[in-house]
Amino acid sequence: MKVEEYRERRIEIGGWPVNLTTYRLGEVFHCKADNVSPGAALARTTGTTREEAEMKAVERAGELLARTRVHAAGS
């Protein structure tokens, strides 16, 4: 199998920049959401459509980022 319909885009979730990478392998779409810096994967999901895979990844990334605390500079 080869990767088809590859797409990357940057969105914002809860004030955090997030990269969404989506592609199709066979009949299944795969989506990875990662925070832009340092690039750690937040979610990896699959779906029968691009929209389903991306929706699941955005939902999971939102759950994780909502729990992330921001520390003030100099603390």
C-alpha atoms as a PDB file:
ATOM      1  CA  MET A   1       0.000   0.000   0.000  1.00  0.00           C
ATOM      2  CA  LYS A   2       1.079   3.561  -0.573  1.00  0.00           C
ATOM      3  CA  VAL A   3       0.068   6.789   1.101  1.00  0.00           C
ATOM      4  CA  GLU A   4      -2.587   8.721  -0.813  1.00  0.00           C
ATOM      5  CA  GLU A   5      -4.448  11.991  -0.261  1.00  0.00           C
ATOM      6  CA  TYR A   6      -1.729  13.318   2.074  1.00  0.00           C
ATOM      7  CA  ARG A   7      -2.498  16.692   3.670  1.00  0.00           C
ATOM      8  CA  GLU A   8      -0.929  18.799   6.415  1.00  0.00           C
ATOM      9  CA  ARG A   9      -2.505  21.854   7.972  1.00  0.00           C
ATOM     10  CA  ARG A  10      -2.064  23.990  11.066  1.00  0.00           C
ATOM     11  CA  ILE A  11      -5.005  24.786  13.341  1.00  0.00           C
ATOM     12  CA  GLU A  12      -5.455  26.228  16.814  1.00  0.00           C
ATOM     13  CA  ILE A  13      -7.002  24.216  19.648  1.00  0.00           C
ATOM     14  CA  GLY A  14      -7.589  25.940  22.982  1.00  0.00           C
ATOM     15  CA  GLY A  15      -5.021  28.612  22.158  1.00  0.00           C
ATOM     16  CA  TRP A  16      -2.342  26.078  21.156  1.00  0.00           C
ATOM     17  CA  PRO A  17      -1.003  25.674  17.607  1.00  0.00           C
ATOM     18  CA  VAL A  18      -1.519  22.104  16.351  1.00  0.00           C
ATOM     19  CA  ASN A  19      -0.407  20.388  13.146  1.00  0.00           C
ATOM     20  CA  LEU A  20      -2.863  17.923  11.618  1.00  0.00           C
ATOM     21  CA  THR A  21      -1.415  15.376   9.213  1.00  0.00           C
ATOM     22  CA  THR A  22      -3.949  13.234   7.363  1.00  0.00           C
ATOM     23  CA  TYR A  23      -3.479  10.543   4.738  1.00  0.00           C
ATOM     24  CA  ARG A  24      -5.191   7.467   3.356  1.00  0.00           C
ATOM     25  CA  LEU A  25      -3.778   3.943   3.361  1.00  0.00           C
ATOM     26  CA  GLY A  26      -6.082   1.602   1.485  1.00  0.00           C
ATOM     27  CA  GLU A  27      -9.612   2.365   2.608  1.00  0.00           C
ATOM     28  CA  VAL A  28      -8.674   3.910   5.971  1.00  0.00           C
ATOM     29  CA  PHE A  29      -7.791   7.537   6.720  1.00  0.00           C
ATOM     30  CA  HIS A  30      -5.147   8.176   9.384  1.00  0.00           C
ATOM     31  CA  CYS A  31      -4.693  11.448  11.238  1.00  0.00           C
ATOM     32  CA  LYS A  32      -1.961  12.608  13.606  1.00  0.00           C
ATOM     33  CA  ALA A  33      -2.267  15.743  15.722  1.00  0.00           C
ATOM     34  CA  ASP A  34       0.942  17.152  17.179  1.00  0.00           C
ATOM     35  CA  ASN A  35       1.776  20.344  18.996  1.00  0.00           C
ATOM     36  CA  VAL A  36       3.930  22.567  16.845  1.00  0.00           C
ATOM     37  CA  SER A  37       6.710  22.936  19.390  1.00  0.00           C
ATOM     38  CA  PRO A  38       8.248  20.518  20.357  1.00  0.00           C
ATOM     39  CA  GLY A  39       6.266  18.390  17.885  1.00  0.00           C
ATOM     40  CA  ALA A  40       5.084  15.702  20.293  1.00  0.00           C
ATOM     41  CA  ALA A  41       2.220  13.570  19.018  1.00  0.00           C
ATOM     42  CA  LEU A  42      -1.029  14.319  20.849  1.00  0.00           C
ATOM     43  CA  ALA A  43      -3.305  11.896  19.029  1.00  0.00           C
ATOM     44  CA  ARG A  44      -3.264   9.284  16.297  1.00  0.00           C
ATOM     45  CA  THR A  45      -6.664   8.285  14.966  1.00  0.00           C
ATOM     46  CA  THR A  46      -8.307   6.504  12.056  1.00  0.00           C
ATOM     47  CA  GLY A  47     -11.626   6.840  10.281  1.00  0.00           C
ATOM     48  CA  THR A  48     -13.496   5.836   7.168  1.00  0.00           C
ATOM     49  CA  THR A  49     -13.367   9.460   5.953  1.00  0.00           C
ATOM     50  CA  ARG A  50     -10.838  12.253   6.294  1.00  0.00           C
ATOM     51  CA  GLU A  51     -13.360  14.291   8.275  1.00  0.00           C
ATOM     52  CA  GLU A  52     -13.987  11.462  10.762  1.00  0.00           C
ATOM     53  CA  ALA A  53     -10.267  10.855  11.361  1.00  0.00           C
ATOM     54  CA  GLU A  54      -9.576  14.582  11.796  1.00  0.00           C
ATOM     55  CA  MET A  55     -12.570  15.086  14.090  1.00  0.00           C
ATOM     56  CA  LYS A  56     -11.382  12.298  16.396  1.00  0.00           C
ATOM     57  CA  ALA A  57      -7.823  13.672  16.464  1.00  0.00           C
ATOM     58  CA  VAL A  58      -8.983  17.237  17.183  1.00  0.00           C
ATOM     59  CA  GLU A  59     -11.273  16.008  19.964  1.00  0.00           C
ATOM     60  CA  ARG A  60      -8.521  13.970  21.649  1.00  0.00           C
ATOM     61  CA  ALA A  61      -5.911  16.717  21.259  1.00  0.00           C
ATOM     62  CA  GLY A  62      -8.380  19.201  22.762  1.00  0.00           C
ATOM     63  CA  GLU A  63      -8.863  16.953  25.796  1.00  0.00           C
ATOM     64  CA  LEU A  64      -5.109  16.706  26.352  1.00  0.00           C
ATOM     65  CA  LEU A  65      -4.364  20.390  25.779  1.00  0.00           C
ATOM     66  CA  ALA A  66      -7.183  21.436  28.127  1.00  0.00           C
ATOM     67  CA  ARG A  67      -5.263  19.709  30.934  1.00  0.00           C
ATOM     68  CA  THR A  68      -1.990  21.449  30.076  1.00  0.00           C
ATOM     69  CA  ARG A  69      -0.882  24.157  32.471  1.00  0.00           C
ATOM     70  CA  VAL A  70       0.917  27.245  31.275  1.00  0.00           C
ATOM     71  CA  HIS A  71       3.714  28.437  33.537  1.00  0.00           C
ATOM     72  CA  ALA A  72       4.465  32.142  33.661  1.00  0.00           C
ATOM     73  CA  ALA A  73       7.914  33.117  32.409  1.00  0.00           C
ATOM     74  CA  GLY A  74      10.431  33.483  35.183  1.00  0.00           C
ATOM     75  CA  SER A  75       8.618  31.091  37.542  1.00  0.00           C
END
